C-alpha atoms as a PDB file:
ATOM      1  CA  UNK A   1     -14.974 -28.847  16.674  1.00  0.00           C
ATOM      2  CA  UNK A   2     -11.997 -28.187  18.936  1.00  0.00           C
ATOM      3  CA  UNK A   3      -9.601 -28.747  15.999  1.00  0.00           C
ATOM      4  CA  UNK A   4     -11.583 -26.328  13.842  1.00  0.00           C
ATOM      5  CA  UNK A   5     -11.345 -23.612  16.497  1.00  0.00           C
ATOM      6  CA  UNK A   6      -7.585 -24.165  16.811  1.00  0.00           C
ATOM      7  CA  UNK A   7      -7.233 -23.976  13.036  1.00  0.00           C
ATOM      8  CA  UNK A   8      -9.166 -20.698  12.908  1.00  0.00           C
ATOM      9  CA  UNK A   9      -6.906 -19.230  15.569  1.00  0.00           C
ATOM     10  CA  UNK A  10      -3.747 -19.923  13.566  1.00  0.00           C
ATOM     11  CA  UNK A  11      -4.994 -18.885  10.101  1.00  0.00           C
ATOM     12  CA  UNK A  12      -4.793 -15.123  10.783  1.00  0.00           C
ATOM     13  CA  UNK A  13      -1.298 -15.527  12.256  1.00  0.00           C
ATOM     14  CA  UNK A  14      -0.163 -17.443   9.163  1.00  0.00           C
ATOM     15  CA  UNK A  15      -1.651 -14.829   6.826  1.00  0.00           C
ATOM     16  CA  UNK A  16       0.134 -12.061   8.708  1.00  0.00           C
ATOM     17  CA  UNK A  17       3.428 -13.954   8.654  1.00  0.00           C
ATOM     18  CA  UNK A  18       3.430 -14.296   4.867  1.00  0.00           C
ATOM     19  CA  UNK A  19       3.457 -10.508   4.478  1.00  0.00           C
ATOM     20  CA  UNK A  20       2.294  -8.404   1.584  1.00  0.00           C
ATOM     21  CA  UNK A  21       4.138  -6.653  -1.175  1.00  0.00           C
ATOM     22  CA  UNK A  22       4.777  -2.974  -0.854  1.00  0.00           C
ATOM     23  CA  UNK A  23       4.117  -1.404  -4.255  1.00  0.00           C
ATOM     24  CA  UNK A  24       6.267   1.357  -5.704  1.00  0.00           C
ATOM     25  CA  UNK A  25       5.039   3.191  -8.789  1.00  0.00           C
ATOM     26  CA  UNK A  26       7.942   3.986 -11.070  1.00  0.00           C
ATOM     27  CA  UNK A  27       8.396   7.440 -12.538  1.00  0.00           C
ATOM     28  CA  UNK A  28      10.994   8.238 -15.196  1.00  0.00           C
ATOM     29  CA  UNK A  29      13.385   9.599 -12.536  1.00  0.00           C
ATOM     30  CA  UNK A  30      12.866   6.770 -10.026  1.00  0.00           C
ATOM     31  CA  UNK A  31      13.230   4.095 -12.718  1.00  0.00           C
ATOM     32  CA  UNK A  32      16.603   5.535 -13.762  1.00  0.00           C
ATOM     33  CA  UNK A  33      17.748   5.872 -10.151  1.00  0.00           C
ATOM     34  CA  UNK A  34      16.881   2.225  -9.307  1.00  0.00           C
ATOM     35  CA  UNK A  35      18.248   0.692 -12.508  1.00  0.00           C
ATOM     36  CA  UNK A  36      14.981   0.021 -14.373  1.00  0.00           C
ATOM     37  CA  UNK A  37      14.432   0.693 -18.040  1.00  0.00           C
ATOM     38  CA  UNK A  38      11.048   1.195 -19.645  1.00  0.00           C
ATOM     39  CA  UNK A  39      10.692   1.091 -23.409  1.00  0.00           C
ATOM     40  CA  UNK A  40       7.548   1.841 -25.404  1.00  0.00           C
ATOM     41  CA  UNK A  41       7.549   0.767 -29.032  1.00  0.00           C
ATOM     42  CA  UNK A  42       4.646   1.411 -31.413  1.00  0.00           C
ATOM     43  CA  UNK A  43       3.773  -1.531 -33.648  1.00  0.00           C
ATOM     44  CA  UNK A  44       1.034  -0.499 -36.039  1.00  0.00           C
ATOM     45  CA  UNK A  45      -2.056   0.273 -33.958  1.00  0.00           C
ATOM     46  CA  UNK A  46      -0.521  -1.381 -30.880  1.00  0.00           C
ATOM     47  CA  UNK A  47       2.163  -0.496 -28.349  1.00  0.00           C
ATOM     48  CA  UNK A  48       4.684  -2.866 -26.786  1.00  0.00           C
ATOM     49  CA  UNK A  49       5.930  -1.969 -23.321  1.00  0.00           C
ATOM     50  CA  UNK A  50       9.031  -3.616 -21.880  1.00  0.00           C
ATOM     51  CA  UNK A  51      10.106  -3.157 -18.263  1.00  0.00           C
ATOM     52  CA  UNK A  52      13.595  -4.411 -17.372  1.00  0.00           C
ATOM     53  CA  UNK A  53      14.923  -4.338 -13.837  1.00  0.00           C
ATOM     54  CA  UNK A  54      17.916  -5.250 -11.728  1.00  0.00           C
ATOM     55  CA  UNK A  55      18.353  -8.870 -10.602  1.00  0.00           C
ATOM     56  CA  UNK A  56      17.897  -7.805  -6.950  1.00  0.00           C
ATOM     57  CA  UNK A  57      15.992  -5.045  -5.175  1.00  0.00           C
ATOM     58  CA  UNK A  58      17.918  -2.423  -3.145  1.00  0.00           C
ATOM     59  CA  UNK A  59      17.300  -4.567  -0.030  1.00  0.00           C
ATOM     60  CA  UNK A  60      18.820  -7.620  -1.755  1.00  0.00           C
ATOM     61  CA  UNK A  61      15.636  -9.532  -2.585  1.00  0.00           C
ATOM     62  CA  UNK A  62      15.713 -11.476  -5.870  1.00  0.00           C
ATOM     63  CA  UNK A  63      13.356 -10.803  -8.770  1.00  0.00           C
ATOM     64  CA  UNK A  64      10.766 -13.581  -8.466  1.00  0.00           C
ATOM     65  CA  UNK A  65       7.775 -12.664 -10.638  1.00  0.00           C
ATOM     66  CA  UNK A  66       6.842 -10.328 -13.430  1.00  0.00           C
ATOM     67  CA  UNK A  67       3.535  -9.522 -14.973  1.00  0.00           C
ATOM     68  CA  UNK A  68       1.171  -7.325 -16.910  1.00  0.00           C
ATOM     69  CA  UNK A  69      -2.269  -6.024 -16.021  1.00  0.00           C
ATOM     70  CA  UNK A  70      -5.122  -4.459 -17.954  1.00  0.00           C
ATOM     71  CA  UNK A  71      -7.213  -1.695 -16.408  1.00  0.00           C
ATOM     72  CA  UNK A  72     -10.657  -0.558 -17.539  1.00  0.00           C
ATOM     73  CA  UNK A  73     -11.820   2.999 -18.221  1.00  0.00           C
ATOM     74  CA  UNK A  74     -12.547   3.580 -14.544  1.00  0.00           C
ATOM     75  CA  UNK A  75      -9.308   2.038 -13.276  1.00  0.00           C
ATOM     76  CA  UNK A  76     -10.850  -1.347 -12.470  1.00  0.00           C
ATOM     77  CA  UNK A  77      -8.587  -4.353 -12.890  1.00  0.00           C
ATOM     78  CA  UNK A  78      -9.735  -6.458 -15.850  1.00  0.00           C
ATOM     79  CA  UNK A  79      -6.861  -8.911 -16.213  1.00  0.00           C
ATOM     80  CA  UNK A  80      -3.580  -9.785 -14.528  1.00  0.00           C
ATOM     81  CA  UNK A  81      -1.001 -12.175 -15.947  1.00  0.00           C
ATOM     82  CA  UNK A  82       1.897 -13.219 -13.691  1.00  0.00           C
ATOM     83  CA  UNK A  83       4.998 -15.158 -14.697  1.00  0.00           C
ATOM     84  CA  UNK A  84       7.281 -16.857 -12.189  1.00  0.00           C
ATOM     85  CA  UNK A  85      10.892 -15.947 -12.960  1.00  0.00           C
ATOM     86  CA  UNK A  86      13.578 -18.586 -12.832  1.00  0.00           C
ATOM     87  CA  UNK A  87      16.455 -18.095 -10.424  1.00  0.00           C
ATOM     88  CA  UNK A  88      19.154 -16.855 -12.767  1.00  0.00           C
ATOM     89  CA  UNK A  89      21.507 -13.958 -13.238  1.00  0.00           C
ATOM     90  CA  UNK A  90      19.604 -12.736 -16.284  1.00  0.00           C
ATOM     91  CA  UNK A  91      17.820  -9.400 -16.308  1.00  0.00           C
ATOM     92  CA  UNK A  92      14.191  -9.731 -15.159  1.00  0.00           C
ATOM     93  CA  UNK A  93      11.636  -8.247 -17.509  1.00  0.00           C
ATOM     94  CA  UNK A  94       7.922  -7.832 -18.075  1.00  0.00           C
ATOM     95  CA  UNK A  95       6.541  -7.330 -21.569  1.00  0.00           C
ATOM     96  CA  UNK A  96       3.023  -6.228 -22.506  1.00  0.00           C
ATOM     97  CA  UNK A  97       1.349  -5.810 -25.899  1.00  0.00           C
ATOM     98  CA  UNK A  98      -1.415  -3.243 -25.822  1.00  0.00           C
ATOM     99  CA  UNK A  99      -3.996  -2.484 -28.532  1.00  0.00           C
ATOM    100  CA  UNK A 100      -7.041  -0.869 -26.888  1.00  0.00           C
ATOM    101  CA  UNK A 101      -7.584   2.871 -26.673  1.00  0.00           C
ATOM    102  CA  UNK A 102     -10.404   2.365 -24.142  1.00  0.00           C
ATOM    103  CA  UNK A 103      -8.200   0.704 -21.519  1.00  0.00           C
ATOM    104  CA  UNK A 104      -4.648   0.938 -20.227  1.00  0.00           C
ATOM    105  CA  UNK A 105      -2.006  -1.631 -19.446  1.00  0.00           C
ATOM    106  CA  UNK A 106       0.744  -1.708 -16.849  1.00  0.00           C
ATOM    107  CA  UNK A 107       3.720  -3.930 -16.067  1.00  0.00           C
ATOM    108  CA  UNK A 108       5.496  -4.958 -12.880  1.00  0.00           C
ATOM    109  CA  UNK A 109       8.385  -6.929 -11.394  1.00  0.00           C
ATOM    110  CA  UNK A 110       8.098  -8.459  -7.905  1.00  0.00           C
ATOM    111  CA  UNK A 111      11.108  -8.867  -5.649  1.00  0.00           C
ATOM    112  CA  UNK A 112      10.230 -11.473  -3.025  1.00  0.00           C
ATOM    113  CA  UNK A 113      12.236 -11.770   0.185  1.00  0.00           C
ATOM    114  CA  UNK A 114      12.230 -14.788   2.471  1.00  0.00           C
ATOM    115  CA  UNK A 115      13.041 -15.423   6.101  1.00  0.00           C
ATOM    116  CA  UNK A 116      13.580 -12.357   8.260  1.00  0.00           C
ATOM    117  CA  UNK A 117      13.404 -10.061   5.208  1.00  0.00           C
ATOM    118  CA  UNK A 118       9.848 -11.108   4.209  1.00  0.00           C
ATOM    119  CA  UNK A 119       8.449  -7.634   4.882  1.00  0.00           C
ATOM    120  CA  UNK A 120      10.992  -6.089   2.501  1.00  0.00           C
ATOM    121  CA  UNK A 121       9.311  -7.744  -0.499  1.00  0.00           C
ATOM    122  CA  UNK A 122       8.419  -5.115  -3.071  1.00  0.00           C
ATOM    123  CA  UNK A 123       6.660  -4.655  -6.405  1.00  0.00           C
ATOM    124  CA  UNK A 124       7.924  -2.052  -8.860  1.00  0.00           C
ATOM    125  CA  UNK A 125       5.343  -1.121 -11.462  1.00  0.00           C
ATOM    126  CA  UNK A 126       4.519   1.158 -14.339  1.00  0.00           C
ATOM    127  CA  UNK A 127       0.835   1.763 -13.727  1.00  0.00           C
ATOM    128  CA  UNK A 128      -0.140   2.986 -17.186  1.00  0.00           C
ATOM    129  CA  UNK A 129       1.370   2.833 -20.648  1.00  0.00           C
ATOM    130  CA  UNK A 130      -0.703   5.894 -21.531  1.00  0.00           C
ATOM    131  CA  UNK A 131       0.679   7.966 -18.652  1.00  0.00           C
ATOM    132  CA  UNK A 132       4.274   6.773 -19.163  1.00  0.00           C
ATOM    133  CA  UNK A 133       4.366   7.891 -22.769  1.00  0.00           C
ATOM    134  CA  UNK A 134       3.135  11.403 -22.029  1.00  0.00           C
END
């Protein structure tokens, strides 16, 4: 019982220490300013979205993950797919293939910092293919 109480004391401290990602929603202007490119390409009744970003965030954190997410009519998250990026000097990217007119899809790249820079971790995302194209 004593060990369980000690464990419960340290769990919140550990959760706080791991930090959370700050999320930045990219606009056309902000994407250009930060070195991101967003391309939409129609393919029949579908749309392909490709987000490319710099290898490091402005604070020097490396690109670590990328992903796509599907949102329902009311903005509820239906699906998220995350890919771990290999440590390389290649351009990080996230690619989504979108076919539904009832939903929307977004893409993101996560820049994960370690050590003393943990709280500078950041996610850059395009929240909606539909909104980006308009």
